[in-house]
């Protein structure tokens, strides 16, 4: 993750805010994508909500809208937590 962050070009704004937003997007984005993939496999109709948030996150990151990146990350976190609980429960039941 840090290697990826080093080679990416930071776009405008306060450097600390930009780095924080990049780190948030780089960690939460992939986790949310895994949750979305699981939801789609299971036919969960709520997947559209996660997809819209992921699209908004990507757009905000591409345009350098760091407050929007943070806002989208915060909205994705509950979905990630729910996905982690579902995976844990499934593994627990299978054990």
PDB file of N, CA and C in Angstrom:
ATOM      1  N   UNK A   1       0.827  -1.190   0.000  1.00  0.00           N
ATOM      2  CA  UNK A   1       0.000   0.000   0.000  1.00  0.00           C
ATOM      3  C   UNK A   1       0.870   1.252   0.000  1.00  0.00           C
ATOM      4  N   UNK A   2       1.890   1.269   0.855  1.00  0.00           N
ATOM      5  CA  UNK A   2       2.751   2.445   0.915  1.00  0.00           C
ATOM      6  C   UNK A   2       3.542   2.633  -0.373  1.00  0.00           C
ATOM      7  N   UNK A   3       3.983   1.532  -0.994  1.00  0.00           N
ATOM      8  CA  UNK A   3       4.676   1.643  -2.280  1.00  0.00           C
ATOM      9  C   UNK A   3       3.763   2.268  -3.322  1.00  0.00           C
ATOM     10  N   UNK A   4       2.514   1.855  -3.326  1.00  0.00           N
ATOM     11  CA  UNK A   4       1.537   2.389  -4.279  1.00  0.00           C
ATOM     12  C   UNK A   4       1.298   3.869  -4.029  1.00  0.00           C
ATOM     13  N   UNK A   5       1.210   4.246  -2.770  1.00  0.00           N
ATOM     14  CA  UNK A   5       0.966   5.636  -2.422  1.00  0.00           C
ATOM     15  C   UNK A   5       2.137   6.518  -2.840  1.00  0.00           C
ATOM     16  N   UNK A   6       3.348   6.013  -2.704  1.00  0.00           N
ATOM     17  CA  UNK A   6       4.539   6.790  -3.038  1.00  0.00           C
ATOM     18  C   UNK A   6       4.583   7.127  -4.512  1.00  0.00           C
ATOM     19  N   UNK A   7       4.187   6.202  -5.386  1.00  0.00           N
ATOM     20  CA  UNK A   7       4.300   6.446  -6.813  1.00  0.00           C
ATOM     21  C   UNK A   7       3.097   7.189  -7.392  1.00  0.00           C
ATOM     22  N   UNK A   8       2.010   7.258  -6.654  1.00  0.00           N
ATOM     23  CA  UNK A   8       0.840   7.981  -7.150  1.00  0.00           C
ATOM     24  C   UNK A   8       1.076   9.479  -7.025  1.00  0.00           C
ATOM     25  N   UNK A   9       0.601  10.195  -8.000  1.00  0.00           N
ATOM     26  CA  UNK A   9       0.731  11.645  -7.984  1.00  0.00           C
ATOM     27  C   UNK A   9      -0.350  12.229  -7.085  1.00  0.00           C
ATOM     28  N   UNK A  10       0.072  13.023  -6.115  1.00  0.00           N
ATOM     29  CA  UNK A  10      -0.891  13.682  -5.241  1.00  0.00           C
ATOM     30  C   UNK A  10      -1.415  14.916  -5.948  1.00  0.00           C
ATOM     31  N   UNK A  11      -2.724  15.109  -5.851  1.00  0.00           N
ATOM     32  CA  UNK A  11      -3.368  16.191  -6.582  1.00  0.00           C
ATOM     33  C   UNK A  11      -3.830  17.253  -5.610  1.00  0.00           C
ATOM     34  N   UNK A  12      -3.195  18.404  -5.664  1.00  0.00           N
ATOM     35  CA  UNK A  12      -3.626  19.595  -4.941  1.00  0.00           C
ATOM     36  C   UNK A  12      -3.923  19.427  -3.471  1.00  0.00           C
ATOM     37  N   UNK A  13      -4.355  20.501  -2.853  1.00  0.00           N
ATOM     38  CA  UNK A  13      -4.814  20.482  -1.476  1.00  0.00           C
ATOM     39  C   UNK A  13      -3.700  20.338  -0.459  1.00  0.00           C
ATOM     40  N   UNK A  14      -4.104  20.329   0.765  1.00  0.00           N
ATOM     41  CA  UNK A  14      -3.189  20.133   1.877  1.00  0.00           C
ATOM     42  C   UNK A  14      -2.630  18.715   1.809  1.00  0.00           C
ATOM     43  N   UNK A  15      -1.311  18.595   1.880  1.00  0.00           N
ATOM     44  CA  UNK A  15      -0.683  17.288   1.691  1.00  0.00           C
ATOM     45  C   UNK A  15      -1.136  16.258   2.722  1.00  0.00           C
ATOM     46  N   UNK A  16      -1.245  16.641   3.984  1.00  0.00           N
ATOM     47  CA  UNK A  16      -1.675  15.682   5.012  1.00  0.00           C
ATOM     48  C   UNK A  16      -3.101  15.204   4.742  1.00  0.00           C
ATOM     49  N   UNK A  17      -3.971  16.114   4.366  1.00  0.00           N
ATOM     50  CA  UNK A  17      -5.364  15.745   4.051  1.00  0.00           C
ATOM     51  C   UNK A  17      -5.404  14.823   2.837  1.00  0.00           C
ATOM     52  N   UNK A  18      -4.586  15.136   1.846  1.00  0.00           N
ATOM     53  CA  UNK A  18      -4.546  14.334   0.629  1.00  0.00           C
ATOM     54  C   UNK A  18      -4.032  12.931   0.919  1.00  0.00           C
ATOM     55  N   UNK A  19      -2.957  12.842   1.691  1.00  0.00           N
ATOM     56  CA  UNK A  19      -2.398  11.534   2.027  1.00  0.00           C
ATOM     57  C   UNK A  19      -3.409  10.725   2.830  1.00  0.00           C
ATOM     58  N   UNK A  20      -4.065  11.354   3.792  1.00  0.00           N
ATOM     59  CA  UNK A  20      -5.071  10.661   4.606  1.00  0.00           C
ATOM     60  C   UNK A  20      -6.200  10.124   3.721  1.00  0.00           C
ATOM     61  N   UNK A  21      -6.683  10.948   2.803  1.00  0.00           N
ATOM     62  CA  UNK A  21      -7.775  10.530   1.919  1.00  0.00           C
ATOM     63  C   UNK A  21      -7.327   9.396   1.003  1.00  0.00           C
ATOM     64  N   UNK A  22      -6.086   9.474   0.485  1.00  0.00           N
ATOM     65  CA  UNK A  22      -5.558   8.392  -0.349  1.00  0.00           C
ATOM     66  C   UNK A  22      -5.506   7.091   0.435  1.00  0.00           C
ATOM     67  N   UNK A  23      -4.995   7.145   1.641  1.00  0.00           N
ATOM     68  CA  UNK A  23      -4.910   5.946   2.473  1.00  0.00           C
ATOM     69  C   UNK A  23      -6.292   5.363   2.748  1.00  0.00           C
ATOM     70  N   UNK A  24      -7.241   6.238   3.039  1.00  0.00           N
ATOM     71  CA  UNK A  24      -8.602   5.769   3.300  1.00  0.00           C
ATOM     72  C   UNK A  24      -9.171   5.089   2.058  1.00  0.00           C
ATOM     73  N   UNK A  25      -9.024   5.730   0.915  1.00  0.00           N
ATOM     74  CA  UNK A  25      -9.560   5.171  -0.329  1.00  0.00           C
ATOM     75  C   UNK A  25      -8.861   3.863  -0.685  1.00  0.00           C
ATOM     76  N   UNK A  26      -7.537   3.800  -0.459  1.00  0.00           N
ATOM     77  CA  UNK A  26      -6.768   2.605  -0.816  1.00  0.00           C
ATOM     78  C   UNK A  26      -7.070   1.424   0.090  1.00  0.00           C
ATOM     79  N   UNK A  27      -7.543   1.655   1.283  1.00  0.00           N
ATOM     80  CA  UNK A  27      -7.863   0.542   2.176  1.00  0.00           C
ATOM     81  C   UNK A  27      -9.344   0.176   2.139  1.00  0.00           C
ATOM     82  N   UNK A  28     -10.191   1.165   2.125  1.00  0.00           N
ATOM     83  CA  UNK A  28     -11.634   0.911   2.167  1.00  0.00           C
ATOM     84  C   UNK A  28     -12.177   0.496   0.801  1.00  0.00           C
ATOM     85  N   UNK A  29     -11.677   1.083  -0.267  1.00  0.00           N
ATOM     86  CA  UNK A  29     -12.175   0.762  -1.606  1.00  0.00           C
ATOM     87  C   UNK A  29     -12.119  -0.721  -1.933  1.00  0.00           C
ATOM     88  N   UNK A  30     -10.953  -1.378  -1.807  1.00  0.00           N
ATOM     89  CA  UNK A  30     -10.887  -2.807  -2.110  1.00  0.00           C
ATOM     90  C   UNK A  30     -11.764  -3.662  -1.192  1.00  0.00           C
ATOM     91  N   UNK A  31     -11.838  -3.309   0.069  1.00  0.00           N
ATOM     92  CA  UNK A  31     -12.694  -4.065   0.998  1.00  0.00           C
ATOM     93  C   UNK A  31     -14.158  -3.939   0.586  1.00  0.00           C
ATOM     94  N   UNK A  32     -14.563  -2.745   0.195  1.00  0.00           N
ATOM     95  CA  UNK A  32     -15.944  -2.534  -0.244  1.00  0.00           C
ATOM     96  C   UNK A  32     -16.219  -3.277  -1.552  1.00  0.00           C
ATOM     97  N   UNK A  33     -15.217  -3.366  -2.424  1.00  0.00           N
ATOM     98  CA  UNK A  33     -15.390  -4.118  -3.671  1.00  0.00           C
ATOM     99  C   UNK A  33     -15.621  -5.600  -3.383  1.00  0.00           C
ATOM    100  N   UNK A  34     -14.926  -6.139  -2.382  1.00  0.00           N
ATOM    101  CA  UNK A  34     -15.140  -7.542  -2.005  1.00  0.00           C
ATOM    102  C   UNK A  34     -16.549  -7.739  -1.457  1.00  0.00           C
ATOM    103  N   UNK A  35     -17.007  -6.792  -0.655  1.00  0.00           N
ATOM    104  CA  UNK A  35     -18.372  -6.869  -0.118  1.00  0.00           C
ATOM    105  C   UNK A  35     -19.380  -6.816  -1.261  1.00  0.00           C
ATOM    106  N   UNK A  36     -19.165  -5.919  -2.201  1.00  0.00           N
ATOM    107  CA  UNK A  36     -20.061  -5.798  -3.352  1.00  0.00           C
ATOM    108  C   UNK A  36     -20.091  -7.111  -4.140  1.00  0.00           C
ATOM    109  N   UNK A  37     -18.928  -7.697  -4.380  1.00  0.00           N
ATOM    110  CA  UNK A  37     -18.878  -8.955  -5.132  1.00  0.00           C
ATOM    111  C   UNK A  37     -19.664 -10.046  -4.415  1.00  0.00           C
ATOM    112  N   UNK A  38     -19.523 -10.136  -3.094  1.00  0.00           N
ATOM    113  CA  UNK A  38     -20.265 -11.144  -2.325  1.00  0.00           C
ATOM    114  C   UNK A  38     -21.761 -10.888  -2.423  1.00  0.00           C
ATOM    115  N   UNK A  39     -22.162  -9.614  -2.289  1.00  0.00           N
ATOM    116  CA  UNK A  39     -23.577  -9.272  -2.355  1.00  0.00           C
ATOM    117  C   UNK A  39     -24.163  -9.631  -3.724  1.00  0.00           C
ATOM    118  N   UNK A  40     -23.409  -9.362  -4.784  1.00  0.00           N
ATOM    119  CA  UNK A  40     -23.885  -9.693  -6.133  1.00  0.00           C
ATOM    120  C   UNK A  40     -24.014 -11.202  -6.319  1.00  0.00           C
ATOM    121  N   UNK A  41     -23.034 -11.961  -5.798  1.00  0.00           N
ATOM    122  CA  UNK A  41     -23.104 -13.430  -5.890  1.00  0.00           C
ATOM    123  C   UNK A  41     -24.339 -13.966  -5.181  1.00  0.00           C
ATOM    124  N   UNK A  42     -24.676 -13.338  -4.054  1.00  0.00           N
ATOM    125  CA  UNK A  42     -25.812 -13.798  -3.256  1.00  0.00           C
ATOM    126  C   UNK A  42     -27.142 -13.203  -3.711  1.00  0.00           C
ATOM    127  N   UNK A  43     -27.110 -12.327  -4.710  1.00  0.00           N
ATOM    128  CA  UNK A  43     -28.332 -11.716  -5.200  1.00  0.00           C
ATOM    129  C   UNK A  43     -28.932 -10.686  -4.250  1.00  0.00           C
ATOM    130  N   UNK A  44     -28.106 -10.082  -3.437  1.00  0.00           N
ATOM    131  CA  UNK A  44     -28.568  -9.092  -2.465  1.00  0.00           C
ATOM    132  C   UNK A  44     -28.919  -7.789  -3.191  1.00  0.00           C
ATOM    133  N   UNK A  45     -30.171  -7.400  -3.096  1.00  0.00           N
ATOM    134  CA  UNK A  45     -30.662  -6.207  -3.796  1.00  0.00           C
ATOM    135  C   UNK A  45     -30.024  -4.917  -3.282  1.00  0.00           C
ATOM    136  N   UNK A  46     -29.449  -4.959  -2.088  1.00  0.00           N
ATOM    137  CA  UNK A  46     -28.811  -3.766  -1.527  1.00  0.00           C
ATOM    138  C   UNK A  46     -27.457  -3.471  -2.168  1.00  0.00           C
ATOM    139  N   UNK A  47     -26.990  -4.358  -3.021  1.00  0.00           N
ATOM    140  CA  UNK A  47     -25.692  -4.181  -3.677  1.00  0.00           C
ATOM    141  C   UNK A  47     -25.630  -2.862  -4.442  1.00  0.00           C
ATOM    142  N   UNK A  48     -26.748  -2.401  -4.961  1.00  0.00           N
ATOM    143  CA  UNK A  48     -26.764  -1.138  -5.711  1.00  0.00           C
ATOM    144  C   UNK A  48     -26.312   0.024  -4.831  1.00  0.00           C
ATOM    145  N   UNK A  49     -26.665  -0.014  -3.552  1.00  0.00           N
ATOM    146  CA  UNK A  49     -26.245   1.060  -2.637  1.00  0.00           C
ATOM    147  C   UNK A  49     -24.732   1.086  -2.489  1.00  0.00           C
ATOM    148  N   UNK A  50     -24.133  -0.090  -2.361  1.00  0.00           N
ATOM    149  CA  UNK A  50     -22.673  -0.174  -2.243  1.00  0.00           C
ATOM    150  C   UNK A  50     -22.022   0.255  -3.552  1.00  0.00           C
ATOM    151  N   UNK A  51     -22.583  -0.172  -4.675  1.00  0.00           N
ATOM    152  CA  UNK A  51     -22.035   0.189  -5.985  1.00  0.00           C
ATOM    153  C   UNK A  51     -22.054   1.698  -6.196  1.00  0.00           C
ATOM    154  N   UNK A  52     -23.137   2.341  -5.816  1.00  0.00           N
ATOM    155  CA  UNK A  52     -23.223   3.795  -5.970  1.00  0.00           C
ATOM    156  C   UNK A  52     -22.177   4.502  -5.109  1.00  0.00           C
ATOM    157  N   UNK A  53     -21.982   4.024  -3.888  1.00  0.00           N
ATOM    158  CA  UNK A  53     -20.969   4.620  -3.012  1.00  0.00           C
ATOM    159  C   UNK A  53     -19.564   4.396  -3.559  1.00  0.00           C
ATOM    160  N   UNK A  54     -19.306   3.208  -4.085  1.00  0.00           N
ATOM    161  CA  UNK A  54     -17.990   2.937  -4.678  1.00  0.00           C
ATOM    162  C   UNK A  54     -17.739   3.823  -5.893  1.00  0.00           C
ATOM    163  N   UNK A  55     -18.747   3.985  -6.727  1.00  0.00           N
ATOM    164  CA  UNK A  55     -18.617   4.868  -7.890  1.00  0.00           C
ATOM    165  C   UNK A  55     -18.337   6.305  -7.457  1.00  0.00           C
ATOM    166  N   UNK A  56     -19.040   6.748  -6.432  1.00  0.00           N
ATOM    167  CA  UNK A  56     -18.825   8.106  -5.919  1.00  0.00           C
ATOM    168  C   UNK A  56     -17.425   8.249  -5.335  1.00  0.00           C
ATOM    169  N   UNK A  57     -16.938   7.202  -4.667  1.00  0.00           N
ATOM    170  CA  UNK A  57     -15.589   7.230  -4.105  1.00  0.00           C
ATOM    171  C   UNK A  57     -14.549   7.351  -5.214  1.00  0.00           C
ATOM    172  N   UNK A  58     -14.696   6.544  -6.250  1.00  0.00           N
ATOM    173  CA  UNK A  58     -13.753   6.590  -7.376  1.00  0.00           C
ATOM    174  C   UNK A  58     -13.773   7.965  -8.027  1.00  0.00           C
ATOM    175  N   UNK A  59     -14.946   8.492  -8.266  1.00  0.00           N
ATOM    176  CA  UNK A  59     -15.058   9.813  -8.902  1.00  0.00           C
ATOM    177  C   UNK A  59     -14.422  10.896  -8.030  1.00  0.00           C
ATOM    178  N   UNK A  60     -14.709  10.869  -6.737  1.00  0.00           N
ATOM    179  CA  UNK A  60     -14.143  11.885  -5.835  1.00  0.00           C
ATOM    180  C   UNK A  60     -12.627  11.794  -5.807  1.00  0.00           C
ATOM    181  N   UNK A  61     -12.114  10.593  -5.809  1.00  0.00           N
ATOM    182  CA  UNK A  61     -10.659  10.421  -5.792  1.00  0.00           C
ATOM    183  C   UNK A  61     -10.041  10.934  -7.089  1.00  0.00           C
ATOM    184  N   UNK A  62     -10.662  10.605  -8.221  1.00  0.00           N
ATOM    185  CA  UNK A  62     -10.140  11.042  -9.522  1.00  0.00           C
ATOM    186  C   UNK A  62     -10.144  12.550  -9.671  1.00  0.00           C
ATOM    187  N   UNK A  63     -11.120  13.201  -9.063  1.00  0.00           N
ATOM    188  CA  UNK A  63     -11.223  14.658  -9.185  1.00  0.00           C
ATOM    189  C   UNK A  63     -10.513  15.394  -8.057  1.00  0.00           C
ATOM    190  N   UNK A  64      -9.965  14.641  -7.096  1.00  0.00           N
ATOM    191  CA  UNK A  64      -9.257  15.282  -5.986  1.00  0.00           C
ATOM    192  C   UNK A  64     -10.167  15.924  -4.967  1.00  0.00           C
ATOM    193  N   UNK A  65     -11.398  15.461  -4.887  1.00  0.00           N
ATOM    194  CA  UNK A  65     -12.357  15.993  -3.911  1.00  0.00           C
ATOM    195  C   UNK A  65     -12.208  15.186  -2.614  1.00  0.00           C
ATOM    196  N   UNK A  66     -11.190  15.554  -1.813  1.00  0.00           N
ATOM    197  CA  UNK A  66     -10.823  14.770  -0.630  1.00  0.00           C
ATOM    198  C   UNK A  66     -11.901  14.745   0.448  1.00  0.00           C
ATOM    199  N   UNK A  67     -12.635  15.837   0.685  1.00  0.00           N
ATOM    200  CA  UNK A  67     -13.750  15.733   1.648  1.00  0.00           C
ATOM    201  C   UNK A  67     -14.801  14.720   1.195  1.00  0.00           C
ATOM    202  N   UNK A  68     -15.066  14.659  -0.110  1.00  0.00           N
ATOM    203  CA  UNK A  68     -16.032  13.679  -0.626  1.00  0.00           C
ATOM    204  C   UNK A  68     -15.480  12.260  -0.499  1.00  0.00           C
ATOM    205  N   UNK A  69     -14.166  12.095  -0.698  1.00  0.00           N
ATOM    206  CA  UNK A  69     -13.547  10.777  -0.500  1.00  0.00           C
ATOM    207  C   UNK A  69     -13.808  10.315   0.928  1.00  0.00           C
ATOM    208  N   UNK A  70     -13.516  11.175   1.888  1.00  0.00           N
ATOM    209  CA  UNK A  70     -13.716  10.819   3.296  1.00  0.00           C
ATOM    210  C   UNK A  70     -15.182  10.526   3.607  1.00  0.00           C
ATOM    211  N   UNK A  71     -16.080  11.321   3.056  1.00  0.00           N
ATOM    212  CA  UNK A  71     -17.512  11.109   3.304  1.00  0.00           C
ATOM    213  C   UNK A  71     -17.966   9.757   2.745  1.00  0.00           C
ATOM    214  N   UNK A  72     -17.510   9.421   1.542  1.00  0.00           N
ATOM    215  CA  UNK A  72     -17.890   8.140   0.943  1.00  0.00           C
ATOM    216  C   UNK A  72     -17.290   6.972   1.701  1.00  0.00           C
ATOM    217  N   UNK A  73     -16.053   7.128   2.159  1.00  0.00           N
ATOM    218  CA  UNK A  73     -15.423   6.072   2.954  1.00  0.00           C
ATOM    219  C   UNK A  73     -16.234   5.821   4.221  1.00  0.00           C
ATOM    220  N   UNK A  74     -16.637   6.889   4.887  1.00  0.00           N
ATOM    221  CA  UNK A  74     -17.411   6.740   6.122  1.00  0.00           C
ATOM    222  C   UNK A  74     -18.753   6.059   5.870  1.00  0.00           C
ATOM    223  N   UNK A  75     -19.331   6.273   4.702  1.00  0.00           N
ATOM    224  CA  UNK A  75     -20.598   5.604   4.379  1.00  0.00           C
ATOM    225  C   UNK A  75     -20.390   4.143   3.999  1.00  0.00           C
ATOM    226  N   UNK A  76     -19.206   3.805   3.489  1.00  0.00           N
ATOM    227  CA  UNK A  76     -18.924   2.426   3.111  1.00  0.00           C
ATOM    228  C   UNK A  76     -18.546   1.558   4.311  1.00  0.00           C
ATOM    229  N   UNK A  77     -18.011   2.146   5.357  1.00  0.00           N
ATOM    230  CA  UNK A  77     -17.546   1.367   6.505  1.00  0.00           C
ATOM    231  C   UNK A  77     -18.619   0.452   7.115  1.00  0.00           C
ATOM    232  N   UNK A  78     -19.850   0.913   7.316  1.00  0.00           N
ATOM    233  CA  UNK A  78     -20.863  -0.010   7.859  1.00  0.00           C
ATOM    234  C   UNK A  78     -21.133  -1.206   6.942  1.00  0.00           C
ATOM    235  N   UNK A  79     -21.072  -0.998   5.640  1.00  0.00           N
ATOM    236  CA  UNK A  79     -21.269  -2.099   4.701  1.00  0.00           C
ATOM    237  C   UNK A  79     -20.139  -3.114   4.834  1.00  0.00           C
ATOM    238  N   UNK A  80     -18.923  -2.624   5.003  1.00  0.00           N
ATOM    239  CA  UNK A  80     -17.766  -3.506   5.154  1.00  0.00           C
ATOM    240  C   UNK A  80     -17.889  -4.298   6.449  1.00  0.00           C
ATOM    241  N   UNK A  81     -18.294  -3.617   7.509  1.00  0.00           N
ATOM    242  CA  UNK A  81     -18.462  -4.305   8.796  1.00  0.00           C
ATOM    243  C   UNK A  81     -19.533  -5.385   8.686  1.00  0.00           C
ATOM    244  N   UNK A  82     -20.636  -5.084   8.030  1.00  0.00           N
ATOM    245  CA  UNK A  82     -21.702  -6.068   7.849  1.00  0.00           C
ATOM    246  C   UNK A  82     -21.200  -7.249   7.019  1.00  0.00           C
ATOM    247  N   UNK A  83     -20.432  -6.956   5.981  1.00  0.00           N
ATOM    248  CA  UNK A  83     -19.875  -8.023   5.154  1.00  0.00           C
ATOM    249  C   UNK A  83     -18.925  -8.911   5.938  1.00  0.00           C
ATOM    250  N   UNK A  84     -18.115  -8.307   6.795  1.00  0.00           N
ATOM    251  CA  UNK A  84     -17.182  -9.087   7.618  1.00  0.00           C
ATOM    252  C   UNK A  84     -17.946  -9.982   8.591  1.00  0.00           C
ATOM    253  N   UNK A  85     -19.014  -9.453   9.170  1.00  0.00           N
ATOM    254  CA  UNK A  85     -19.827 -10.265  10.083  1.00  0.00           C
ATOM    255  C   UNK A  85     -20.460 -11.445   9.348  1.00  0.00           C
ATOM    256  N   UNK A  86     -20.917 -11.211   8.137  1.00  0.00           N
ATOM    257  CA  UNK A  86     -21.541 -12.284   7.357  1.00  0.00           C
ATOM    258  C   UNK A  86     -20.528 -13.375   7.023  1.00  0.00           C
ATOM    259  N   UNK A  87     -19.326 -12.979   6.643  1.00  0.00           N
ATOM    260  CA  UNK A  87     -18.281 -13.962   6.331  1.00  0.00           C
ATOM    261  C   UNK A  87     -17.910 -14.742   7.579  1.00  0.00           C
ATOM    262  N   UNK A  88     -17.754 -14.054   8.693  1.00  0.00           N
ATOM    263  CA  UNK A  88     -17.406 -14.711   9.953  1.00  0.00           C
ATOM    264  C   UNK A  88     -18.488 -15.708  10.353  1.00  0.00           C
ATOM    265  N   UNK A  89     -19.750 -15.311  10.246  1.00  0.00           N
ATOM    266  CA  UNK A  89     -20.856 -16.206  10.601  1.00  0.00           C
ATOM    267  C   UNK A  89     -20.884 -17.439   9.691  1.00  0.00           C
ATOM    268  N   UNK A  90     -20.658 -17.231   8.407  1.00  0.00           N
ATOM    269  CA  UNK A  90     -20.672 -18.343   7.463  1.00  0.00           C
ATOM    270  C   UNK A  90     -19.540 -19.330   7.778  1.00  0.00           C
ATOM    271  N   UNK A  91     -18.378 -18.816   8.108  1.00  0.00           N
ATOM    272  CA  UNK A  91     -17.253 -19.687   8.443  1.00  0.00           C
ATOM    273  C   UNK A  91     -17.506 -20.412   9.755  1.00  0.00           C
ATOM    274  N   UNK A  92     -18.103 -19.725  10.677  1.00  0.00           N
ATOM    275  CA  UNK A  92     -18.393 -20.313  11.980  1.00  0.00           C
ATOM    276  C   UNK A  92     -19.401 -21.459  11.850  1.00  0.00           C
ATOM    277  N   UNK A  93     -20.409 -21.250  11.033  1.00  0.00           N
ATOM    278  CA  UNK A  93     -21.421 -22.280  10.818  1.00  0.00           C
ATOM    279  C   UNK A  93     -20.854 -23.471  10.056  1.00  0.00           C
ATOM    280  N   UNK A  94     -19.882 -23.208   9.178  1.00  0.00           N
ATOM    281  CA  UNK A  94     -19.278 -24.281   8.391  1.00  0.00           C
ATOM    282  C   UNK A  94     -18.254 -25.082   9.172  1.00  0.00           C
ATOM    283  N   UNK A  95     -17.792 -24.553  10.297  1.00  0.00           N
ATOM    284  CA  UNK A  95     -16.743 -25.237  11.062  1.00  0.00           C
ATOM    285  C   UNK A  95     -17.279 -26.319  11.967  1.00  0.00           C
TER     286      UNK A  95
END
